[in-house]
Amino acid sequence: MRAYADSSFMLRLVTAEASSAAAIGQYRRIGRPPLFFLALHALEVRNAILQRAFHERRTLASGHRRDIARNRDAALDRVARLLSRRTFLEVAVDMDAVIVRAAEMGNTHTERLGARAIDLLHVAAALALESEVFLTSDDRQAQLAQAEGLSVITDR
């Protein structure tokens, strides 16, 4: 099975969020296929992990700093482990072609669905990789992927 997960879904697979269990459960139900992992995912997932640590440092008491660092490092280690096991399968796409396809989808769907540019990029990348299934934690992105003919799995 050719499977594409957006960064929000991947983030739930590597962090201990409240919704992580649901995402992991859905991923297991479809047989744990390798998930395409683009440079876009690397940027978004790593940055989201670091951004979470930033926000937690600003809102939690200083006594929790060790926990913040431990959670950050554990999530980054899970990403590295999933890459080394090829659960996250590093691939490249022609980003210029993906952007052109995303722009076309934007013209077709954005006014109706409210798609953001990043939504368009993920769905266009999934299509470029000839994905059969699209995993997401984002309702708008799910609607866009369905509108483009992808089978969608959410963590809800």
N, C-alpha and C. Protein backbone atom coordinates (compact mmCIF):
# COMPACT_ATOMS: atom_id res chain seq x y z
N MET A 1 0.84 -1.18 0.00
CA MET A 1 0.00 0.00 0.00
C MET A 1 0.88 1.24 0.00
N ARG A 2 0.56 2.17 -0.86
CA ARG A 2 1.29 3.44 -0.93
C ARG A 2 0.55 4.44 -0.03
N ALA A 3 1.20 4.80 1.07
CA ALA A 3 0.54 5.63 2.08
C ALA A 3 1.29 6.93 2.30
N TYR A 4 0.53 7.99 2.41
CA TYR A 4 1.06 9.33 2.68
C TYR A 4 0.37 9.86 3.92
N ALA A 5 1.15 10.27 4.89
CA ALA A 5 0.60 10.92 6.08
C ALA A 5 1.06 12.37 6.09
N ASP A 6 0.15 13.27 6.41
CA ASP A 6 0.58 14.65 6.55
C ASP A 6 1.37 14.80 7.85
N SER A 7 1.96 15.95 8.02
CA SER A 7 2.83 16.16 9.19
C SER A 7 2.07 16.10 10.51
N SER A 8 0.81 16.53 10.52
CA SER A 8 0.04 16.47 11.76
C SER A 8 -0.15 15.03 12.22
N PHE A 9 -0.39 14.13 11.29
CA PHE A 9 -0.57 12.72 11.63
C PHE A 9 0.76 12.12 12.08
N MET A 10 1.84 12.42 11.35
CA MET A 10 3.15 11.91 11.74
C MET A 10 3.55 12.40 13.12
N LEU A 11 3.23 13.64 13.41
CA LEU A 11 3.56 14.20 14.72
C LEU A 11 2.87 13.42 15.82
N ARG A 12 1.65 13.02 15.59
CA ARG A 12 0.93 12.23 16.59
C ARG A 12 1.56 10.84 16.76
N LEU A 13 2.19 10.33 15.72
CA LEU A 13 2.85 9.03 15.83
C LEU A 13 4.13 9.09 16.66
N VAL A 14 4.74 10.26 16.78
CA VAL A 14 6.04 10.35 17.46
C VAL A 14 6.00 11.10 18.78
N THR A 15 4.85 11.68 19.13
CA THR A 15 4.74 12.42 20.39
C THR A 15 3.71 11.76 21.29
N ALA A 16 3.67 12.20 22.50
CA ALA A 16 2.70 11.68 23.47
C ALA A 16 1.57 12.68 23.65
N GLU A 17 0.86 12.96 22.57
CA GLU A 17 -0.29 13.86 22.63
C GLU A 17 -1.52 13.08 23.04
N ALA A 18 -2.54 13.80 23.44
CA ALA A 18 -3.79 13.15 23.81
C ALA A 18 -4.36 12.34 22.65
N SER A 19 -4.18 12.83 21.42
CA SER A 19 -4.74 12.14 20.26
C SER A 19 -3.77 11.14 19.61
N SER A 20 -2.62 10.94 20.22
CA SER A 20 -1.64 10.00 19.65
C SER A 20 -2.17 8.58 19.60
N ALA A 21 -2.85 8.15 20.64
CA ALA A 21 -3.35 6.77 20.68
C ALA A 21 -4.30 6.49 19.52
N ALA A 22 -5.15 7.44 19.20
CA ALA A 22 -6.09 7.25 18.08
C ALA A 22 -5.35 7.15 16.76
N ALA A 23 -4.35 8.01 16.55
CA ALA A 23 -3.58 7.97 15.30
C ALA A 23 -2.81 6.65 15.19
N ILE A 24 -2.19 6.24 16.27
CA ILE A 24 -1.45 4.97 16.27
C ILE A 24 -2.40 3.81 15.98
N GLY A 25 -3.57 3.85 16.58
CA GLY A 25 -4.56 2.80 16.34
C GLY A 25 -5.00 2.73 14.88
N GLN A 26 -5.25 3.86 14.29
CA GLN A 26 -5.64 3.88 12.87
C GLN A 26 -4.50 3.36 11.99
N TYR A 27 -3.29 3.78 12.30
CA TYR A 27 -2.13 3.33 11.53
C TYR A 27 -1.96 1.81 11.64
N ARG A 28 -2.15 1.28 12.81
CA ARG A 28 -2.06 -0.18 12.99
C ARG A 28 -3.16 -0.90 12.22
N ARG A 29 -4.38 -0.33 12.23
CA ARG A 29 -5.51 -0.96 11.54
C ARG A 29 -5.28 -1.13 10.05
N ILE A 30 -4.49 -0.24 9.45
CA ILE A 30 -4.25 -0.38 8.01
C ILE A 30 -2.98 -1.18 7.73
N GLY A 31 -2.41 -1.81 8.75
CA GLY A 31 -1.29 -2.71 8.55
C GLY A 31 0.09 -2.09 8.63
N ARG A 32 0.19 -0.88 9.17
CA ARG A 32 1.48 -0.20 9.36
C ARG A 32 2.32 -0.09 8.08
N PRO A 33 1.76 0.42 7.01
CA PRO A 33 2.56 0.54 5.79
C PRO A 33 3.64 1.61 5.95
N PRO A 34 4.72 1.53 5.19
CA PRO A 34 5.70 2.62 5.20
C PRO A 34 5.00 3.92 4.80
N LEU A 35 5.38 5.00 5.45
CA LEU A 35 4.80 6.31 5.15
C LEU A 35 5.84 7.16 4.45
N PHE A 36 5.47 7.71 3.29
CA PHE A 36 6.38 8.59 2.57
C PHE A 36 6.82 9.73 3.49
N PHE A 37 8.10 10.06 3.44
CA PHE A 37 8.67 11.11 4.29
C PHE A 37 9.51 12.02 3.41
N LEU A 38 8.96 13.21 3.15
CA LEU A 38 9.62 14.20 2.31
C LEU A 38 10.45 15.16 3.15
N ALA A 39 11.26 15.97 2.48
CA ALA A 39 11.96 17.05 3.18
C ALA A 39 10.95 17.97 3.85
N LEU A 40 9.77 18.12 3.24
CA LEU A 40 8.70 18.91 3.84
C LEU A 40 8.30 18.35 5.20
N HIS A 41 8.16 17.02 5.30
CA HIS A 41 7.85 16.40 6.59
C HIS A 41 8.97 16.64 7.59
N ALA A 42 10.20 16.45 7.14
CA ALA A 42 11.35 16.63 8.04
C ALA A 42 11.32 18.03 8.65
N LEU A 43 11.07 19.02 7.82
CA LEU A 43 10.99 20.40 8.31
C LEU A 43 9.82 20.58 9.27
N GLU A 44 8.63 20.19 8.84
CA GLU A 44 7.44 20.45 9.65
C GLU A 44 7.42 19.67 10.96
N VAL A 45 7.75 18.39 10.91
CA VAL A 45 7.68 17.56 12.12
C VAL A 45 8.74 18.00 13.13
N ARG A 46 9.97 18.15 12.69
CA ARG A 46 11.03 18.59 13.61
C ARG A 46 10.72 19.97 14.18
N ASN A 47 10.28 20.89 13.34
CA ASN A 47 9.98 22.23 13.81
C ASN A 47 8.82 22.23 14.81
N ALA A 48 7.82 21.41 14.57
CA ALA A 48 6.68 21.33 15.50
C ALA A 48 7.13 20.81 16.87
N ILE A 49 8.02 19.84 16.86
CA ILE A 49 8.55 19.31 18.13
C ILE A 49 9.32 20.40 18.88
N LEU A 50 10.16 21.12 18.17
CA LEU A 50 10.94 22.19 18.80
C LEU A 50 10.05 23.35 19.23
N GLN A 51 9.05 23.66 18.43
CA GLN A 51 8.14 24.75 18.77
C GLN A 51 7.33 24.40 20.02
N ARG A 52 6.92 23.14 20.14
CA ARG A 52 6.20 22.72 21.34
C ARG A 52 7.07 22.93 22.58
N ALA A 53 8.35 22.56 22.48
CA ALA A 53 9.27 22.75 23.61
C ALA A 53 9.39 24.24 23.95
N PHE A 54 9.48 25.08 22.94
CA PHE A 54 9.55 26.52 23.15
C PHE A 54 8.34 27.01 23.94
N HIS A 55 7.14 26.64 23.48
CA HIS A 55 5.92 27.10 24.13
C HIS A 55 5.78 26.53 25.55
N GLU A 56 6.16 25.28 25.73
CA GLU A 56 6.09 24.69 27.07
C GLU A 56 7.04 25.40 28.03
N ARG A 57 8.22 25.76 27.58
CA ARG A 57 9.16 26.49 28.44
C ARG A 57 8.59 27.83 28.89
N ARG A 58 7.78 28.43 28.04
CA ARG A 58 7.21 29.74 28.36
C ARG A 58 5.99 29.63 29.27
N THR A 59 5.34 28.46 29.31
CA THR A 59 4.10 28.34 30.06
C THR A 59 4.20 27.45 31.29
N LEU A 60 5.13 26.52 31.31
CA LEU A 60 5.25 25.60 32.45
C LEU A 60 6.27 26.12 33.46
N ALA A 61 6.13 25.69 34.68
CA ALA A 61 7.07 26.08 35.73
C ALA A 61 8.46 25.53 35.40
N SER A 62 9.47 26.24 35.90
CA SER A 62 10.86 25.86 35.58
C SER A 62 11.20 24.45 36.05
N GLY A 63 10.49 23.93 37.02
CA GLY A 63 10.73 22.57 37.50
C GLY A 63 10.41 21.50 36.46
N HIS A 64 9.71 21.88 35.43
CA HIS A 64 9.33 20.92 34.37
C HIS A 64 10.29 20.94 33.19
N ARG A 65 11.33 21.71 33.27
CA ARG A 65 12.24 21.86 32.11
C ARG A 65 12.87 20.53 31.71
N ARG A 66 13.21 19.71 32.68
CA ARG A 66 13.78 18.40 32.34
C ARG A 66 12.78 17.56 31.57
N ASP A 67 11.52 17.62 31.99
CA ASP A 67 10.47 16.87 31.29
C ASP A 67 10.31 17.36 29.86
N ILE A 68 10.38 18.68 29.69
CA ILE A 68 10.25 19.27 28.36
C ILE A 68 11.37 18.76 27.46
N ALA A 69 12.59 18.81 27.94
CA ALA A 69 13.74 18.34 27.16
C ALA A 69 13.64 16.84 26.89
N ARG A 70 13.22 16.09 27.89
CA ARG A 70 13.11 14.63 27.72
C ARG A 70 12.05 14.30 26.67
N ASN A 71 10.90 14.98 26.71
CA ASN A 71 9.84 14.74 25.73
C ASN A 71 10.29 15.15 24.32
N ARG A 72 10.97 16.28 24.22
CA ARG A 72 11.49 16.74 22.92
C ARG A 72 12.46 15.71 22.35
N ASP A 73 13.41 15.30 23.18
CA ASP A 73 14.41 14.34 22.72
C ASP A 73 13.80 12.99 22.36
N ALA A 74 12.81 12.55 23.13
CA ALA A 74 12.15 11.28 22.84
C ALA A 74 11.43 11.33 21.49
N ALA A 75 10.76 12.44 21.21
CA ALA A 75 10.06 12.58 19.93
C ALA A 75 11.05 12.61 18.77
N LEU A 76 12.13 13.36 18.92
CA LEU A 76 13.15 13.41 17.86
C LEU A 76 13.80 12.04 17.67
N ASP A 77 14.02 11.31 18.75
CA ASP A 77 14.57 9.95 18.66
C ASP A 77 13.60 9.01 17.94
N ARG A 78 12.29 9.16 18.20
CA ARG A 78 11.31 8.32 17.51
C ARG A 78 11.32 8.58 16.01
N VAL A 79 11.45 9.83 15.62
CA VAL A 79 11.54 10.15 14.19
C VAL A 79 12.76 9.44 13.60
N ALA A 80 13.90 9.57 14.24
CA ALA A 80 15.14 8.94 13.75
C ALA A 80 14.98 7.42 13.67
N ARG A 81 14.35 6.83 14.68
CA ARG A 81 14.16 5.38 14.70
C ARG A 81 13.23 4.94 13.57
N LEU A 82 12.13 5.67 13.36
CA LEU A 82 11.20 5.31 12.29
C LEU A 82 11.84 5.48 10.91
N LEU A 83 12.72 6.44 10.78
CA LEU A 83 13.47 6.60 9.52
C LEU A 83 14.45 5.44 9.33
N SER A 84 15.16 5.06 10.37
CA SER A 84 16.14 3.97 10.24
C SER A 84 15.47 2.64 9.96
N ARG A 85 14.26 2.45 10.46
CA ARG A 85 13.50 1.21 10.22
C ARG A 85 12.73 1.26 8.90
N ARG A 86 12.77 2.40 8.23
CA ARG A 86 12.07 2.63 6.98
C ARG A 86 10.56 2.57 7.13
N THR A 87 10.08 2.85 8.36
CA THR A 87 8.65 3.06 8.58
C THR A 87 8.29 4.41 7.98
N PHE A 88 9.15 5.39 8.21
CA PHE A 88 9.10 6.65 7.48
C PHE A 88 10.08 6.48 6.33
N LEU A 89 9.58 6.47 5.13
CA LEU A 89 10.36 6.16 3.94
C LEU A 89 10.76 7.45 3.24
N GLU A 90 12.03 7.79 3.34
CA GLU A 90 12.52 9.03 2.73
C GLU A 90 12.44 8.95 1.21
N VAL A 91 11.72 9.89 0.63
CA VAL A 91 11.57 9.97 -0.82
C VAL A 91 11.67 11.43 -1.24
N ALA A 92 11.91 11.62 -2.50
CA ALA A 92 11.95 12.97 -3.06
C ALA A 92 10.90 13.08 -4.15
N VAL A 93 10.36 14.26 -4.29
CA VAL A 93 9.42 14.55 -5.38
C VAL A 93 9.89 15.82 -6.07
N ASP A 94 9.41 16.02 -7.26
CA ASP A 94 9.69 17.25 -8.00
C ASP A 94 8.80 18.34 -7.38
N MET A 95 9.36 19.14 -6.48
CA MET A 95 8.55 20.13 -5.77
C MET A 95 7.98 21.19 -6.70
N ASP A 96 8.66 21.49 -7.79
CA ASP A 96 8.08 22.44 -8.74
C ASP A 96 6.77 21.90 -9.31
N ALA A 97 6.77 20.61 -9.67
CA ALA A 97 5.55 19.99 -10.19
C ALA A 97 4.48 19.92 -9.11
N VAL A 98 4.89 19.63 -7.87
CA VAL A 98 3.94 19.58 -6.75
C VAL A 98 3.30 20.96 -6.54
N ILE A 99 4.10 22.00 -6.62
CA ILE A 99 3.57 23.36 -6.43
C ILE A 99 2.59 23.72 -7.55
N VAL A 100 2.90 23.35 -8.77
CA VAL A 100 1.98 23.61 -9.88
C VAL A 100 0.66 22.89 -9.64
N ARG A 101 0.72 21.62 -9.25
CA ARG A 101 -0.50 20.84 -8.98
C ARG A 101 -1.26 21.44 -7.80
N ALA A 102 -0.53 21.88 -6.76
CA ALA A 102 -1.17 22.49 -5.60
C ALA A 102 -1.91 23.77 -6.00
N ALA A 103 -1.29 24.56 -6.86
CA ALA A 103 -1.94 25.80 -7.32
C ALA A 103 -3.22 25.49 -8.09
N GLU A 104 -3.18 24.47 -8.92
CA GLU A 104 -4.38 24.06 -9.66
C GLU A 104 -5.48 23.63 -8.70
N MET A 105 -5.11 22.84 -7.69
CA MET A 105 -6.10 22.40 -6.70
C MET A 105 -6.64 23.59 -5.92
N GLY A 106 -5.78 24.55 -5.63
CA GLY A 106 -6.23 25.75 -4.93
C GLY A 106 -7.29 26.48 -5.72
N ASN A 107 -7.09 26.60 -7.03
CA ASN A 107 -8.08 27.25 -7.88
C ASN A 107 -9.41 26.51 -7.86
N THR A 108 -9.34 25.21 -7.74
CA THR A 108 -10.55 24.39 -7.77
C THR A 108 -11.25 24.30 -6.41
N HIS A 109 -10.47 24.21 -5.33
CA HIS A 109 -11.07 23.84 -4.03
C HIS A 109 -10.99 24.87 -2.91
N THR A 110 -10.08 25.83 -2.98
CA THR A 110 -9.84 26.67 -1.80
C THR A 110 -11.06 27.49 -1.39
N GLU A 111 -11.75 28.10 -2.32
CA GLU A 111 -12.91 28.91 -1.94
C GLU A 111 -13.99 28.08 -1.27
N ARG A 112 -14.13 26.86 -1.69
CA ARG A 112 -15.18 25.99 -1.16
C ARG A 112 -14.76 25.33 0.16
N LEU A 113 -13.47 24.91 0.25
CA LEU A 113 -13.01 24.14 1.42
C LEU A 113 -12.16 24.94 2.39
N GLY A 114 -11.65 26.08 1.97
CA GLY A 114 -10.78 26.86 2.84
C GLY A 114 -9.39 26.25 2.98
N ALA A 115 -8.93 25.55 1.96
CA ALA A 115 -7.63 24.88 2.01
C ALA A 115 -6.50 25.90 2.17
N ARG A 116 -5.56 25.56 3.03
CA ARG A 116 -4.35 26.37 3.21
C ARG A 116 -3.30 25.88 2.21
N ALA A 117 -2.29 26.68 1.98
CA ALA A 117 -1.23 26.30 1.04
C ALA A 117 -0.56 25.00 1.45
N ILE A 118 -0.34 24.82 2.75
CA ILE A 118 0.33 23.59 3.20
C ILE A 118 -0.56 22.37 2.97
N ASP A 119 -1.88 22.54 3.09
CA ASP A 119 -2.81 21.45 2.77
C ASP A 119 -2.67 21.05 1.31
N LEU A 120 -2.66 22.07 0.46
CA LEU A 120 -2.54 21.83 -0.98
C LEU A 120 -1.23 21.12 -1.31
N LEU A 121 -0.14 21.54 -0.66
CA LEU A 121 1.16 20.91 -0.92
C LEU A 121 1.17 19.44 -0.51
N HIS A 122 0.63 19.14 0.66
CA HIS A 122 0.62 17.74 1.10
C HIS A 122 -0.22 16.86 0.18
N VAL A 123 -1.39 17.32 -0.19
CA VAL A 123 -2.24 16.51 -1.06
C VAL A 123 -1.61 16.38 -2.45
N ALA A 124 -1.04 17.44 -2.97
CA ALA A 124 -0.37 17.37 -4.27
C ALA A 124 0.82 16.42 -4.22
N ALA A 125 1.56 16.43 -3.12
CA ALA A 125 2.70 15.50 -2.98
C ALA A 125 2.20 14.06 -2.92
N ALA A 126 1.13 13.83 -2.18
CA ALA A 126 0.56 12.48 -2.11
C ALA A 126 0.15 11.99 -3.49
N LEU A 127 -0.45 12.87 -4.27
CA LEU A 127 -0.85 12.49 -5.63
C LEU A 127 0.36 12.24 -6.52
N ALA A 128 1.39 13.07 -6.38
CA ALA A 128 2.61 12.88 -7.18
C ALA A 128 3.26 11.54 -6.87
N LEU A 129 3.13 11.08 -5.63
CA LEU A 129 3.72 9.80 -5.22
C LEU A 129 2.77 8.63 -5.47
N GLU A 130 1.65 8.92 -6.12
CA GLU A 130 0.64 7.91 -6.44
C GLU A 130 0.18 7.15 -5.20
N SER A 131 -0.05 7.90 -4.14
CA SER A 131 -0.51 7.31 -2.88
C SER A 131 -1.92 6.76 -3.03
N GLU A 132 -2.18 5.69 -2.32
CA GLU A 132 -3.51 5.09 -2.31
C GLU A 132 -4.32 5.58 -1.12
N VAL A 133 -3.62 5.92 -0.05
CA VAL A 133 -4.29 6.34 1.17
C VAL A 133 -3.60 7.58 1.73
N PHE A 134 -4.39 8.46 2.32
CA PHE A 134 -3.90 9.71 2.88
C PHE A 134 -4.32 9.77 4.33
N LEU A 135 -3.36 9.85 5.24
CA LEU A 135 -3.63 9.91 6.67
C LEU A 135 -3.46 11.34 7.16
N THR A 136 -4.44 11.84 7.90
CA THR A 136 -4.38 13.22 8.37
C THR A 136 -5.12 13.38 9.68
N SER A 137 -4.76 14.41 10.40
CA SER A 137 -5.47 14.81 11.61
C SER A 137 -6.22 16.12 11.38
N ASP A 138 -6.28 16.55 10.15
CA ASP A 138 -6.83 17.85 9.79
C ASP A 138 -8.08 17.65 8.93
N ASP A 139 -9.22 18.12 9.42
CA ASP A 139 -10.49 17.92 8.71
C ASP A 139 -10.50 18.57 7.33
N ARG A 140 -9.96 19.78 7.22
CA ARG A 140 -9.95 20.47 5.93
C ARG A 140 -9.08 19.73 4.93
N GLN A 141 -7.95 19.25 5.41
CA GLN A 141 -7.05 18.51 4.53
C GLN A 141 -7.70 17.19 4.10
N ALA A 142 -8.43 16.57 5.01
CA ALA A 142 -9.16 15.33 4.67
C ALA A 142 -10.16 15.59 3.55
N GLN A 143 -10.90 16.69 3.65
CA GLN A 143 -11.88 17.04 2.61
C GLN A 143 -11.20 17.27 1.27
N LEU A 144 -10.07 17.96 1.30
CA LEU A 144 -9.33 18.22 0.07
C LEU A 144 -8.82 16.92 -0.56
N ALA A 145 -8.24 16.05 0.26
CA ALA A 145 -7.73 14.77 -0.25
C ALA A 145 -8.86 13.93 -0.84
N GLN A 146 -10.01 13.92 -0.17
CA GLN A 146 -11.16 13.18 -0.70
C GLN A 146 -11.64 13.78 -2.02
N ALA A 147 -11.65 15.10 -2.09
CA ALA A 147 -12.08 15.77 -3.33
C ALA A 147 -11.16 15.43 -4.49
N GLU A 148 -9.90 15.11 -4.17
CA GLU A 148 -8.94 14.74 -5.21
C GLU A 148 -8.88 13.23 -5.43
N GLY A 149 -9.79 12.47 -4.81
CA GLY A 149 -9.91 11.05 -5.07
C GLY A 149 -9.09 10.12 -4.19
N LEU A 150 -8.46 10.66 -3.15
CA LEU A 150 -7.67 9.81 -2.26
C LEU A 150 -8.57 9.17 -1.20
N SER A 151 -8.22 7.97 -0.80
CA SER A 151 -8.87 7.33 0.33
C SER A 151 -8.27 7.95 1.59
N VAL A 152 -9.10 8.44 2.49
CA VAL A 152 -8.62 9.21 3.64
C VAL A 152 -8.87 8.47 4.94
N ILE A 153 -7.87 8.51 5.81
CA ILE A 153 -7.98 7.97 7.16
C ILE A 153 -7.62 9.09 8.12
N THR A 154 -8.50 9.32 9.09
CA THR A 154 -8.22 10.34 10.10
C THR A 154 -8.07 9.67 11.46
N ASP A 155 -7.60 10.43 12.42
CA ASP A 155 -7.43 9.87 13.77
C ASP A 155 -8.65 10.17 14.64
N ARG A 156 -9.76 10.43 14.02
CA ARG A 156 -10.99 10.72 14.78
C ARG A 156 -11.93 9.53 14.76
